[in-house]
Amino acid sequence: FLIIKIQDILGNVLLKSFLTTILFGFVAISFLIFTLLSAPISYAGISSLYYVRKKELGEKGSHISITMTEKNTKTNKHLKRIFRGITIVSLGIGTMFTYGVYKGKYDINIEYTRKIEITAHRGASSLYPENTMAAFRGAKELGADVIELDVQQTKDKEIIVMHDKNLKRTTGVDKNVWEVTKEERQNLDAGSFLKNEFIGEKIPLLKEVVDWAKENDMKLNIELKPTGKEENFEASVIEIIKNANYIENVVIASQVYQVLENVKHMDETIKTVYVASLFYGDIHAFPAADDFSLETSNITKGLVNRIHEEGKEIYAWTINTKENMEKVIELNVDNIITDDIELAKKSIILNRKSNLIYEYVKWIETHF
C-alpha cells in the first residue's frame, strides 16, 4: 500500500529512480564499510595473536581503559544528526541523477570507448506521423541522438521531407511528389493517417527541419531518394545545409551510390552514408561512402570488423525488437536506426550492466 501511494505521488520514473538510488547506495555503503573495517579487523587479528603469544611466554600486557564521558555522548549525538542529514541529501541527489539517467539526460557508460548512437527512423515514427515536425520533436523528447528523414523534390524544385514517391499512403492524395508544388503541399494532411489527434500535420520543408535541428542541437541523417524527375537534387540539399551552417551535424545518405559520388564531388567534407539491404565485395570499391547503413539480418561480426578497420562506421536498420537490438549491440555496431527509441535506450543500458543490476532493473520494470 505504501509503495502504491509513493508511486501515485512521485510517478513511475521517479519511483524507479528512487529505488535504484537505494540499491546503489546500499552497494556503495557496503563497499565503504568493508573498506573501512578491513584494516581494523586485520590489526585486531594481529593484536590478538600478539597477546596470545605474550601470555604463552608469561609476560604481562598493558590494557587501556576507555570511559564514555558526557562530552563524548554529545559528540556522538551531533555526528548522528550530521550522518542523517548527509543520508537524506545523498538520497535526494542520487534520485535526481538516476532520474536523469532514466530520461536519457546523462550517459553513465563511460567505460565504453565506442558509443552506440540511436537514430530515430523518420522521427519517433512509432508514436507520431513519420517525417513530420511532430515526429522530430517527439524524437528529441525521447532522447534520440540523431533524426533520420527522407527528402524528395517537388514540381517547383523545393526539397520536402517525404519517404514515398506517391503521397497516397500518408496524405490520402494519389499524386507523385514531383507532381505537386510547394504551395499544394501546404494543403495536404500528413498526420491523420496515423491518428486523428494529428489531423492537419503538414509535410515539412527540409529547410524548416534543418533550422529546427540547429536550434535544438539535433544531428540529422538526411536520406536522398531520387526518382529521376529531379534537377540539381544534391546541390539543392547541400545549399540548404550550408546556408544554415550546419554541415558538421549532418550526414547525407542514399541507396543510390551515384548520389554519394555527386555529393563528394560538390563538397568532400560532407559525411556520406551508403544505405543497402545487403553488402558484399570490397569496401574500397565505395570510396564515396564514409559510412555504411545495412539491414540488420545481413550484418555479421566479420563485416563490422572490416568496416571498423577502415575507420568507418556501420549503422543497423530498422530495429524494433529486443532480440535484434541485443544482436547488433553484441556485434558492436555504431548506430541503431529504430522506430522505438525507448526500447533502444533500454537495450543499450541493460547490455552494459552486470547481471545483478540487469536483474534488478528487469524486476523494477516488471513491478512498476
Protein backbone atom coordinates (compact mmCIF):
# COMPACT_ATOMS: atom_id res chain seq x y z
CA PHE A 1 0.00 0.00 0.00
CA LEU A 2 2.83 2.41 0.89
CA ILE A 3 4.65 1.70 -2.41
CA ILE A 4 1.43 2.34 -4.36
CA LYS A 5 0.90 5.66 -2.55
CA ILE A 6 4.51 6.72 -3.22
CA GLN A 7 4.08 5.71 -6.86
CA ASP A 8 0.93 7.86 -7.14
CA ILE A 9 2.77 10.85 -5.70
CA LEU A 10 6.12 10.56 -7.46
CA GLY A 11 5.23 8.85 -10.73
CA ASN A 12 6.73 5.73 -12.28
CA VAL A 13 10.11 7.00 -13.47
CA LEU A 14 10.86 8.97 -10.31
CA LEU A 15 9.96 5.97 -8.16
CA LYS A 16 12.27 3.75 -10.22
CA SER A 17 14.99 6.34 -9.78
CA PHE A 18 14.47 6.39 -6.01
CA LEU A 19 14.59 2.60 -5.72
CA THR A 20 17.66 2.39 -7.94
CA THR A 21 19.39 5.01 -5.79
CA ILE A 22 18.68 2.95 -2.68
CA LEU A 23 20.21 -0.12 -4.35
CA PHE A 24 23.35 1.69 -5.46
CA GLY A 25 23.55 3.42 -2.07
CA PHE A 26 23.42 0.05 -0.32
CA VAL A 27 26.16 -1.32 -2.58
CA ALA A 28 28.31 1.80 -2.05
CA ILE A 29 27.85 1.80 1.74
CA SER A 30 28.59 -1.95 1.92
CA PHE A 31 31.79 -1.41 -0.02
CA LEU A 32 32.73 1.55 2.18
CA ILE A 33 32.10 -0.40 5.38
CA PHE A 34 34.14 -3.32 4.09
CA THR A 35 36.98 -0.96 3.15
CA LEU A 36 36.92 0.86 6.49
CA LEU A 37 36.70 -2.30 8.61
CA SER A 38 39.19 -4.43 6.72
CA ALA A 39 42.24 -2.66 8.22
CA PRO A 40 40.97 -2.57 11.87
CA ILE A 41 39.93 -6.22 11.68
CA SER A 42 43.34 -7.16 10.34
CA TYR A 43 45.08 -5.22 13.13
CA ALA A 44 42.72 -6.79 15.71
CA GLY A 45 43.66 -10.23 14.49
CA ILE A 46 47.36 -9.44 14.65
CA SER A 47 46.96 -7.91 18.14
CA SER A 48 45.11 -10.98 19.40
CA LEU A 49 47.93 -13.20 18.20
CA TYR A 50 50.40 -10.83 19.87
CA TYR A 51 48.68 -11.07 23.30
CA VAL A 52 48.22 -14.83 22.97
CA ARG A 53 51.94 -15.12 22.34
CA LYS A 54 52.78 -12.85 25.33
CA LYS A 55 50.55 -14.99 27.57
CA GLU A 56 52.31 -18.13 26.40
CA LEU A 57 55.64 -16.54 27.31
CA GLY A 58 54.32 -15.47 30.74
CA GLU A 59 54.68 -11.76 30.01
CA LYS A 60 52.22 -9.14 31.29
CA GLY A 61 50.39 -6.96 28.81
CA SER A 62 49.18 -3.40 29.26
CA HIS A 63 45.48 -2.54 28.87
CA ILE A 64 43.80 0.76 28.17
CA SER A 65 40.51 1.58 29.86
CA ILE A 66 38.09 3.66 27.77
CA THR A 67 35.32 5.55 29.58
CA MET A 68 32.38 7.23 27.80
CA THR A 69 32.16 10.82 29.06
CA GLU A 70 29.28 13.28 28.75
CA LYS A 71 31.29 15.18 26.14
CA ASN A 72 31.71 12.02 24.05
CA THR A 73 27.96 11.35 24.26
CA LYS A 74 27.10 14.85 22.98
CA THR A 75 29.64 14.47 20.18
CA ASN A 76 28.11 11.16 19.10
CA LYS A 77 24.61 12.68 19.00
CA HIS A 78 25.94 15.55 16.89
CA LEU A 79 27.63 13.11 14.49
CA LYS A 80 24.38 11.12 14.17
CA ARG A 81 22.49 14.26 13.14
CA ILE A 82 25.15 15.06 10.54
CA PHE A 83 25.03 11.49 9.24
CA ARG A 84 21.22 11.60 8.91
CA GLY A 85 21.44 14.89 7.04
CA ILE A 86 24.08 13.58 4.65
CA THR A 87 22.00 10.44 4.02
CA ILE A 88 18.86 12.44 3.16
CA VAL A 89 20.77 14.83 0.86
CA SER A 90 22.59 11.92 -0.83
CA LEU A 91 19.30 10.11 -1.45
CA GLY A 92 17.83 13.27 -2.98
CA ILE A 93 20.81 13.98 -5.23
CA GLY A 94 21.17 10.31 -6.16
CA THR A 95 17.49 10.03 -7.06
CA MET A 96 17.60 13.09 -9.31
CA PHE A 97 20.76 11.83 -11.04
CA THR A 98 19.26 8.38 -11.58
CA TYR A 99 16.08 10.05 -12.86
CA GLY A 100 18.25 11.91 -15.39
CA VAL A 101 19.81 8.61 -16.49
CA TYR A 102 16.35 7.05 -16.98
CA LYS A 103 15.27 10.09 -19.03
CA GLY A 104 18.43 9.94 -21.15
CA LYS A 105 19.95 13.19 -19.92
CA TYR A 106 23.14 11.51 -18.69
CA ASP A 107 25.25 8.71 -20.12
CA ILE A 108 26.89 6.69 -17.35
CA ASN A 109 28.52 4.14 -19.64
CA ILE A 110 31.91 5.85 -19.70
CA GLU A 111 33.77 2.56 -19.85
CA TYR A 112 32.77 2.11 -23.50
CA THR A 113 35.06 3.94 -25.92
CA ARG A 114 32.70 3.27 -28.85
CA LYS A 115 29.31 4.86 -28.13
CA ILE A 116 26.29 3.38 -29.87
CA GLU A 117 24.07 6.18 -31.14
CA ILE A 118 20.32 5.92 -31.51
CA THR A 119 18.77 7.25 -34.70
CA ALA A 120 15.04 7.94 -34.78
CA HIS A 121 13.76 6.40 -38.03
CA ARG A 122 11.68 9.10 -39.76
CA GLY A 123 11.49 10.68 -36.32
CA ALA A 124 9.70 8.96 -33.45
CA SER A 125 7.53 7.21 -36.03
CA SER A 126 6.01 4.60 -33.71
CA LEU A 127 4.21 7.34 -31.80
CA TYR A 128 3.95 10.23 -34.27
CA PRO A 129 3.26 10.52 -38.02
CA GLU A 130 6.51 9.80 -39.83
CA ASN A 131 8.67 12.55 -41.32
CA THR A 132 6.73 15.36 -39.65
CA MET A 133 7.76 18.03 -37.20
CA ALA A 134 5.68 16.26 -34.53
CA ALA A 135 7.79 13.11 -35.03
CA PHE A 136 11.04 15.09 -34.88
CA ARG A 137 10.05 16.92 -31.72
CA GLY A 138 8.99 13.60 -30.20
CA ALA A 139 12.36 12.04 -31.08
CA LYS A 140 14.18 14.82 -29.27
CA GLU A 141 11.95 14.48 -26.22
CA LEU A 142 12.58 10.72 -26.09
CA GLY A 143 16.35 11.24 -26.19
CA ALA A 144 17.38 10.15 -29.70
CA ASP A 145 20.91 11.11 -30.76
CA VAL A 146 20.10 11.51 -34.46
CA ILE A 147 16.97 12.01 -36.55
CA GLU A 148 16.69 10.17 -39.86
CA LEU A 149 14.47 11.68 -42.56
CA ASP A 150 13.83 11.24 -46.27
CA VAL A 151 13.77 14.03 -48.83
CA GLN A 152 12.43 14.46 -52.36
CA GLN A 153 11.97 17.29 -54.83
CA THR A 154 8.62 18.86 -55.77
CA LYS A 155 7.41 20.09 -59.14
CA ASP A 156 8.76 23.58 -58.42
CA LYS A 157 12.15 22.18 -57.22
CA GLU A 158 11.58 22.58 -53.49
CA ILE A 159 13.06 19.95 -51.15
CA ILE A 160 10.39 18.40 -48.93
CA VAL A 161 10.50 15.66 -46.30
CA MET A 162 8.74 12.58 -47.66
CA HIS A 163 9.60 8.88 -47.92
CA ASP A 164 7.24 7.54 -50.61
CA LYS A 165 7.27 8.68 -54.22
CA ASN A 166 3.50 8.74 -54.09
CA LEU A 167 1.60 10.78 -51.49
CA LYS A 168 -1.34 8.36 -51.14
CA ARG A 169 -0.22 6.37 -48.06
CA THR A 170 0.48 9.30 -45.74
CA THR A 171 -1.77 12.06 -47.13
CA GLY A 172 -4.58 10.24 -48.93
CA VAL A 173 -3.85 12.14 -52.16
CA ASP A 174 -2.93 9.91 -55.11
CA LYS A 175 -0.23 12.09 -56.64
CA ASN A 176 3.52 11.72 -57.04
CA VAL A 177 5.83 14.11 -55.22
CA TRP A 178 7.13 15.61 -58.47
CA GLU A 179 3.55 16.44 -59.49
CA VAL A 180 2.82 18.81 -56.59
CA THR A 181 4.18 22.26 -55.80
CA LYS A 182 5.40 23.72 -52.53
CA GLU A 183 2.07 25.54 -52.11
CA GLU A 184 -0.03 22.44 -52.86
CA ARG A 185 1.97 20.59 -50.21
CA GLN A 186 0.70 23.10 -47.64
CA ASN A 187 -2.86 21.84 -48.10
CA LEU A 188 -2.03 18.17 -47.53
CA ASP A 189 -2.73 16.39 -44.23
CA ALA A 190 0.25 14.20 -43.34
CA GLY A 191 -0.86 13.30 -39.81
CA SER A 192 -4.35 11.82 -39.67
CA PHE A 193 -3.29 8.57 -41.39
CA LEU A 194 -1.78 7.59 -38.03
CA LYS A 195 -4.20 9.12 -35.51
CA ASN A 196 -6.95 11.72 -35.56
CA GLU A 197 -5.09 13.78 -32.99
CA PHE A 198 -2.52 14.61 -35.69
CA ILE A 199 -5.02 15.97 -38.21
CA GLY A 200 -3.52 18.93 -40.01
CA GLU A 201 0.13 17.95 -39.56
CA LYS A 202 1.99 19.24 -42.62
CA ILE A 203 4.76 17.86 -44.82
CA PRO A 204 7.76 19.95 -43.75
CA LEU A 205 10.33 21.58 -45.96
CA LEU A 206 13.91 20.40 -45.45
CA LYS A 207 14.88 23.98 -44.62
CA GLU A 208 12.36 24.05 -41.76
CA VAL A 209 13.77 20.82 -40.32
CA VAL A 210 17.41 21.93 -40.57
CA ASP A 211 16.63 25.26 -38.89
CA TRP A 212 14.77 23.44 -36.10
CA ALA A 213 17.58 20.91 -35.68
CA LYS A 214 20.13 23.70 -35.34
CA GLU A 215 18.03 25.46 -32.69
CA ASN A 216 17.65 22.18 -30.77
CA ASP A 217 21.18 20.81 -31.31
CA MET A 218 19.93 17.66 -33.07
CA LYS A 219 22.01 15.72 -35.58
CA LEU A 220 20.37 14.74 -38.87
CA ASN A 221 20.66 11.76 -41.19
CA ILE A 222 19.18 13.02 -44.47
CA GLU A 223 18.43 10.27 -46.98
CA LEU A 224 18.08 11.41 -50.58
CA LYS A 225 15.54 9.37 -52.54
CA PRO A 226 15.88 10.28 -56.22
CA THR A 227 13.01 9.47 -58.60
CA GLY A 228 14.69 10.54 -61.84
CA LYS A 229 12.49 13.63 -62.07
CA GLU A 230 14.84 15.94 -60.11
CA GLU A 231 17.06 18.80 -61.20
CA ASN A 232 20.18 19.65 -59.16
CA PHE A 233 18.83 17.47 -56.36
CA GLU A 234 22.05 17.02 -54.39
CA ALA A 235 23.11 20.64 -54.92
CA SER A 236 19.78 21.91 -53.57
CA VAL A 237 20.09 19.78 -50.42
CA ILE A 238 23.69 20.85 -49.83
CA GLU A 239 22.76 24.51 -50.28
CA ILE A 240 20.09 24.28 -47.60
CA ILE A 241 22.52 22.69 -45.13
CA LYS A 242 25.31 25.16 -45.91
CA ASN A 243 23.01 28.18 -45.62
CA ALA A 244 22.16 27.02 -42.11
CA ASN A 245 25.88 26.48 -41.38
CA TYR A 246 25.07 23.00 -40.11
CA ILE A 247 27.21 20.64 -42.23
CA GLU A 248 29.15 19.24 -39.26
CA ASN A 249 25.95 17.88 -37.71
CA VAL A 250 24.51 16.27 -40.85
CA VAL A 251 25.16 13.09 -42.82
CA ILE A 252 23.77 12.59 -46.31
CA ALA A 253 22.64 9.05 -47.07
CA SER A 254 21.28 7.28 -50.12
CA GLN A 255 20.66 3.84 -51.58
CA VAL A 256 21.89 5.22 -54.90
CA TYR A 257 25.68 5.26 -54.82
CA GLN A 258 25.83 7.85 -57.62
CA VAL A 259 24.15 10.34 -55.26
CA LEU A 260 27.04 9.98 -52.80
CA GLU A 261 29.57 10.46 -55.60
CA ASN A 262 27.75 13.64 -56.66
CA VAL A 263 27.78 14.93 -53.08
CA LYS A 264 31.51 14.27 -52.66
CA HIS A 265 32.22 15.95 -55.98
CA MET A 266 30.46 19.08 -54.71
CA ASP A 267 31.89 19.03 -51.19
CA GLU A 268 34.31 16.37 -49.91
CA THR A 269 33.82 17.48 -46.29
CA ILE A 270 30.20 16.33 -46.16
CA LYS A 271 29.85 12.95 -44.42
CA THR A 272 28.07 10.35 -46.55
CA VAL A 273 26.37 7.04 -45.77
CA TYR A 274 25.70 4.24 -48.26
CA VAL A 275 22.37 2.54 -47.49
CA ALA A 276 21.98 -1.09 -48.61
CA SER A 277 19.93 -4.16 -47.76
CA LEU A 278 22.88 -6.42 -48.49
CA PHE A 279 26.56 -5.56 -48.77
CA TYR A 280 29.22 -7.68 -50.42
CA GLY A 281 32.53 -7.09 -52.13
CA ASP A 282 35.45 -4.82 -51.40
CA ILE A 283 34.82 -1.82 -49.13
CA HIS A 284 37.46 0.07 -51.10
CA ALA A 285 35.17 -0.08 -54.15
CA PHE A 286 32.95 2.54 -52.48
CA PRO A 287 35.27 5.48 -51.73
CA ALA A 288 32.40 7.99 -51.79
CA ALA A 289 30.84 6.28 -48.76
CA ASP A 290 32.21 7.42 -45.41
CA ASP A 291 29.93 5.01 -43.53
CA PHE A 292 27.55 2.13 -44.28
CA SER A 293 23.91 1.61 -43.27
CA LEU A 294 22.78 -2.01 -43.61
CA GLU A 295 19.67 -4.12 -42.97
CA THR A 296 20.08 -5.93 -39.65
CA SER A 297 19.82 -9.55 -40.80
CA ASN A 298 22.79 -9.13 -43.15
CA ILE A 299 25.22 -7.71 -40.59
CA THR A 300 27.95 -10.08 -39.42
CA LYS A 301 30.83 -9.73 -36.99
CA GLY A 302 33.32 -10.07 -39.83
CA LEU A 303 31.66 -7.26 -41.79
CA VAL A 304 31.60 -4.99 -38.75
CA ASN A 305 35.30 -5.64 -38.17
CA ARG A 306 36.17 -4.93 -41.82
CA ILE A 307 34.29 -1.62 -41.77
CA HIS A 308 35.86 -0.59 -38.45
CA GLU A 309 39.34 -1.49 -39.72
CA GLU A 310 38.81 1.08 -42.49
CA GLY A 311 37.97 3.73 -39.87
CA LYS A 312 34.32 3.79 -40.95
CA GLU A 313 31.09 3.24 -39.06
CA ILE A 314 28.20 0.85 -39.55
CA TYR A 315 24.52 1.66 -38.96
CA ALA A 316 21.90 -1.07 -38.45
CA TRP A 317 18.31 -0.60 -39.70
CA THR A 318 15.44 -0.77 -38.90
CA ILE A 319 15.42 -2.47 -35.49
CA ASN A 320 12.28 -2.66 -33.36
CA THR A 321 12.63 -5.89 -31.37
CA LYS A 322 14.58 -6.67 -28.21
CA GLU A 323 16.26 -9.69 -29.82
CA ASN A 324 17.61 -7.72 -32.79
CA MET A 325 18.69 -4.89 -30.50
CA GLU A 326 20.77 -7.31 -28.44
CA LYS A 327 22.21 -8.87 -31.60
CA VAL A 328 23.55 -5.66 -33.13
CA ILE A 329 24.80 -4.36 -29.78
CA GLU A 330 26.78 -7.58 -29.39
CA LEU A 331 28.11 -7.12 -32.93
CA ASN A 332 29.35 -3.66 -31.89
CA VAL A 333 27.57 -1.54 -34.49
CA ASP A 334 27.92 2.21 -34.20
CA ASN A 335 24.35 3.32 -34.76
CA ILE A 336 20.91 1.76 -34.27
CA ILE A 337 18.16 3.09 -36.51
CA THR A 338 14.79 2.41 -34.91
CA ASP A 339 11.14 3.41 -34.60
CA ASP A 340 11.25 2.54 -30.88
CA ILE A 341 13.71 4.93 -29.22
CA GLU A 342 12.85 3.91 -25.65
CA LEU A 343 13.47 0.21 -26.39
CA ALA A 344 16.85 1.04 -27.96
CA LYS A 345 17.93 3.13 -24.96
CA LYS A 346 16.87 0.44 -22.51
CA SER A 347 18.61 -2.31 -24.52
CA ILE A 348 21.90 -0.40 -24.63
CA ILE A 349 21.79 0.37 -20.91
CA LEU A 350 20.93 -3.19 -19.88
CA ASN A 351 23.59 -4.63 -22.17
CA ARG A 352 26.25 -2.63 -20.33
CA LYS A 353 25.30 -3.65 -16.78
CA SER A 354 26.30 -6.58 -14.61
CA ASN A 355 23.87 -9.48 -14.22
CA LEU A 356 22.87 -8.26 -10.74
CA ILE A 357 21.93 -4.79 -11.98
CA TYR A 358 20.29 -6.29 -15.09
CA GLU A 359 18.03 -8.48 -12.94
CA TYR A 360 17.24 -5.56 -10.63
CA VAL A 361 16.24 -3.25 -13.50
CA LYS A 362 14.15 -6.03 -15.03
CA TRP A 363 12.38 -6.52 -11.69
CA ILE A 364 11.72 -2.78 -11.40
CA GLU A 365 10.27 -2.68 -14.92
CA THR A 366 8.04 -5.67 -14.20
CA HIS A 367 6.61 -4.42 -10.91
CA PHE A 368 6.41 -0.68 -11.52
